Amino acid sequence: MNIGMLWFDNDPKAEIATKIERAAAYYNAKYGTTPNLCFVHPSMIHNGSLKGRNDKMSSGEVEVRTTRTILPNHFWIGVNGSPT
């Protein structure tokens, strides 16, 4: 990912898919581009609200990957490759 935004959402009632949708909507409104990649901490994907397998998950059109370099409740969201 060459362009990205760090998003924080610690709403305990919302599922991770909802949080990613919120971040994607804000990103689109702010930058005028739809994000297609989001990095999250591995501990955040336990609730099963994402579609796919552990190595390839998505929330809508946004691919979700895990990395321990992102803190829990934080989302590194942006565009992977050329903007859509």
C-alpha atoms as a PDB file:
ATOM      1  CA  MET A   1       0.000   0.000   0.000  1.00  0.00           C
ATOM      2  CA  ASN A   2       1.466   3.336  -1.039  1.00  0.00           C
ATOM      3  CA  ILE A   3      -1.274   5.609   0.327  1.00  0.00           C
ATOM      4  CA  GLY A   4      -3.077   5.034   3.596  1.00  0.00           C
ATOM      5  CA  MET A   5      -4.860   6.470   6.605  1.00  0.00           C
ATOM      6  CA  LEU A   6      -4.788   5.349  10.230  1.00  0.00           C
ATOM      7  CA  TRP A   7      -8.286   4.979  11.696  1.00  0.00           C
ATOM      8  CA  PHE A   8      -9.195   4.317  15.340  1.00  0.00           C
ATOM      9  CA  ASP A   9     -12.487   2.697  16.352  1.00  0.00           C
ATOM     10  CA  ASN A  10     -12.943   1.079  19.750  1.00  0.00           C
ATOM     11  CA  ASP A  11     -16.751   0.735  19.675  1.00  0.00           C
ATOM     12  CA  PRO A  12     -17.297  -2.509  21.639  1.00  0.00           C
ATOM     13  CA  LYS A  13     -20.769  -3.045  20.126  1.00  0.00           C
ATOM     14  CA  ALA A  14     -19.711  -2.876  16.465  1.00  0.00           C
ATOM     15  CA  GLU A  15     -18.321  -5.812  14.499  1.00  0.00           C
ATOM     16  CA  ILE A  16     -15.022  -5.427  12.671  1.00  0.00           C
ATOM     17  CA  ALA A  17     -16.781  -5.362   9.285  1.00  0.00           C
ATOM     18  CA  THR A  18     -18.825  -2.352  10.414  1.00  0.00           C
ATOM     19  CA  LYS A  19     -15.696  -0.597  11.656  1.00  0.00           C
ATOM     20  CA  ILE A  20     -13.952  -1.172   8.332  1.00  0.00           C
ATOM     21  CA  GLU A  21     -17.012   0.135   6.472  1.00  0.00           C
ATOM     22  CA  ARG A  22     -16.918   3.315   8.598  1.00  0.00           C
ATOM     23  CA  ALA A  23     -13.230   3.797   7.896  1.00  0.00           C
ATOM     24  CA  ALA A  24     -13.706   3.153   4.166  1.00  0.00           C
ATOM     25  CA  ALA A  25     -16.589   5.643   3.952  1.00  0.00           C
ATOM     26  CA  TYR A  26     -14.542   8.327   5.702  1.00  0.00           C
ATOM     27  CA  TYR A  27     -11.519   7.604   3.504  1.00  0.00           C
ATOM     28  CA  ASN A  28     -13.652   7.874   0.367  1.00  0.00           C
ATOM     29  CA  ALA A  29     -15.221  11.157   1.514  1.00  0.00           C
ATOM     30  CA  LYS A  30     -11.869  12.671   2.480  1.00  0.00           C
ATOM     31  CA  TYR A  31      -9.682  11.509  -0.417  1.00  0.00           C
ATOM     32  CA  GLY A  32     -12.226  10.808  -3.178  1.00  0.00           C
ATOM     33  CA  THR A  33     -10.888   7.294  -3.707  1.00  0.00           C
ATOM     34  CA  THR A  34     -12.315   3.997  -2.568  1.00  0.00           C
ATOM     35  CA  PRO A  35      -9.860   2.042  -0.397  1.00  0.00           C
ATOM     36  CA  ASN A  36      -9.230  -1.600  -1.225  1.00  0.00           C
ATOM     37  CA  LEU A  37      -6.846  -2.755   1.530  1.00  0.00           C
ATOM     38  CA  CYS A  38      -6.955  -2.627   5.321  1.00  0.00           C
ATOM     39  CA  PHE A  39      -4.433  -3.883   7.875  1.00  0.00           C
ATOM     40  CA  VAL A  40      -5.608  -4.842  11.381  1.00  0.00           C
ATOM     41  CA  HIS A  41      -4.112  -6.501  14.444  1.00  0.00           C
ATOM     42  CA  PRO A  42      -4.628 -10.318  14.410  1.00  0.00           C
ATOM     43  CA  SER A  43      -6.587 -10.202  17.677  1.00  0.00           C
ATOM     44  CA  MET A  44      -9.365  -8.245  15.979  1.00  0.00           C
ATOM     45  CA  ILE A  45     -10.516 -10.933  13.536  1.00  0.00           C
ATOM     46  CA  HIS A  46     -11.855 -13.416  16.084  1.00  0.00           C
ATOM     47  CA  ASN A  47     -15.552 -12.594  15.692  1.00  0.00           C
ATOM     48  CA  GLY A  48     -16.058 -14.147  12.254  1.00  0.00           C
ATOM     49  CA  SER A  49     -17.804 -11.162  10.653  1.00  0.00           C
ATOM     50  CA  LEU A  50     -15.314 -11.099   7.785  1.00  0.00           C
ATOM     51  CA  LYS A  51     -15.751 -13.147   4.636  1.00  0.00           C
ATOM     52  CA  GLY A  52     -13.065 -15.537   3.442  1.00  0.00           C
ATOM     53  CA  ARG A  53     -10.315 -17.657   4.917  1.00  0.00           C
ATOM     54  CA  ASN A  54      -7.708 -16.584   7.453  1.00  0.00           C
ATOM     55  CA  ASP A  55      -5.151 -15.830   4.740  1.00  0.00           C
ATOM     56  CA  LYS A  56      -7.581 -13.961   2.448  1.00  0.00           C
ATOM     57  CA  MET A  57     -10.341 -12.007   4.182  1.00  0.00           C
ATOM     58  CA  SER A  58     -12.510  -9.150   3.013  1.00  0.00           C
ATOM     59  CA  SER A  59     -15.110  -6.700   4.189  1.00  0.00           C
ATOM     60  CA  GLY A  60     -17.103  -5.634   1.165  1.00  0.00           C
ATOM     61  CA  GLU A  61     -14.603  -4.574  -1.491  1.00  0.00           C
ATOM     62  CA  VAL A  62     -11.802  -4.081   1.060  1.00  0.00           C
ATOM     63  CA  GLU A  63      -9.223  -6.837   1.438  1.00  0.00           C
ATOM     64  CA  VAL A  64      -8.284  -7.336   5.093  1.00  0.00           C
ATOM     65  CA  ARG A  65      -4.826  -8.467   6.171  1.00  0.00           C
ATOM     66  CA  THR A  66      -3.390  -8.889   9.636  1.00  0.00           C
ATOM     67  CA  THR A  67      -0.143  -7.567  11.029  1.00  0.00           C
ATOM     68  CA  ARG A  68       1.154  -7.226  14.559  1.00  0.00           C
ATOM     69  CA  THR A  69       2.550  -3.777  13.755  1.00  0.00           C
ATOM     70  CA  ILE A  70      -0.960  -2.282  13.935  1.00  0.00           C
ATOM     71  CA  LEU A  71      -2.342  -1.790  17.442  1.00  0.00           C
ATOM     72  CA  PRO A  72      -5.722  -3.299  18.373  1.00  0.00           C
ATOM     73  CA  ASN A  73      -8.689  -1.064  17.463  1.00  0.00           C
ATOM     74  CA  HIS A  74      -6.597   0.668  14.786  1.00  0.00           C
ATOM     75  CA  PHE A  75      -7.056   0.253  11.034  1.00  0.00           C
ATOM     76  CA  TRP A  76      -4.451   1.118   8.394  1.00  0.00           C
ATOM     77  CA  ILE A  77      -6.698   1.585   5.383  1.00  0.00           C
ATOM     78  CA  GLY A  78      -5.865   2.734   1.878  1.00  0.00           C
ATOM     79  CA  VAL A  79      -5.243   1.899  -1.727  1.00  0.00           C
ATOM     80  CA  ASN A  80      -3.137  -1.068  -2.814  1.00  0.00           C
ATOM     81  CA  GLY A  81      -1.721  -0.384  -6.271  1.00  0.00           C
ATOM     82  CA  SER A  82      -3.393   2.148  -8.526  1.00  0.00           C
ATOM     83  CA  PRO A  83      -6.513   3.948  -7.227  1.00  0.00           C
ATOM     84  CA  THR A  84      -9.909   2.742  -8.445  1.00  0.00           C
END
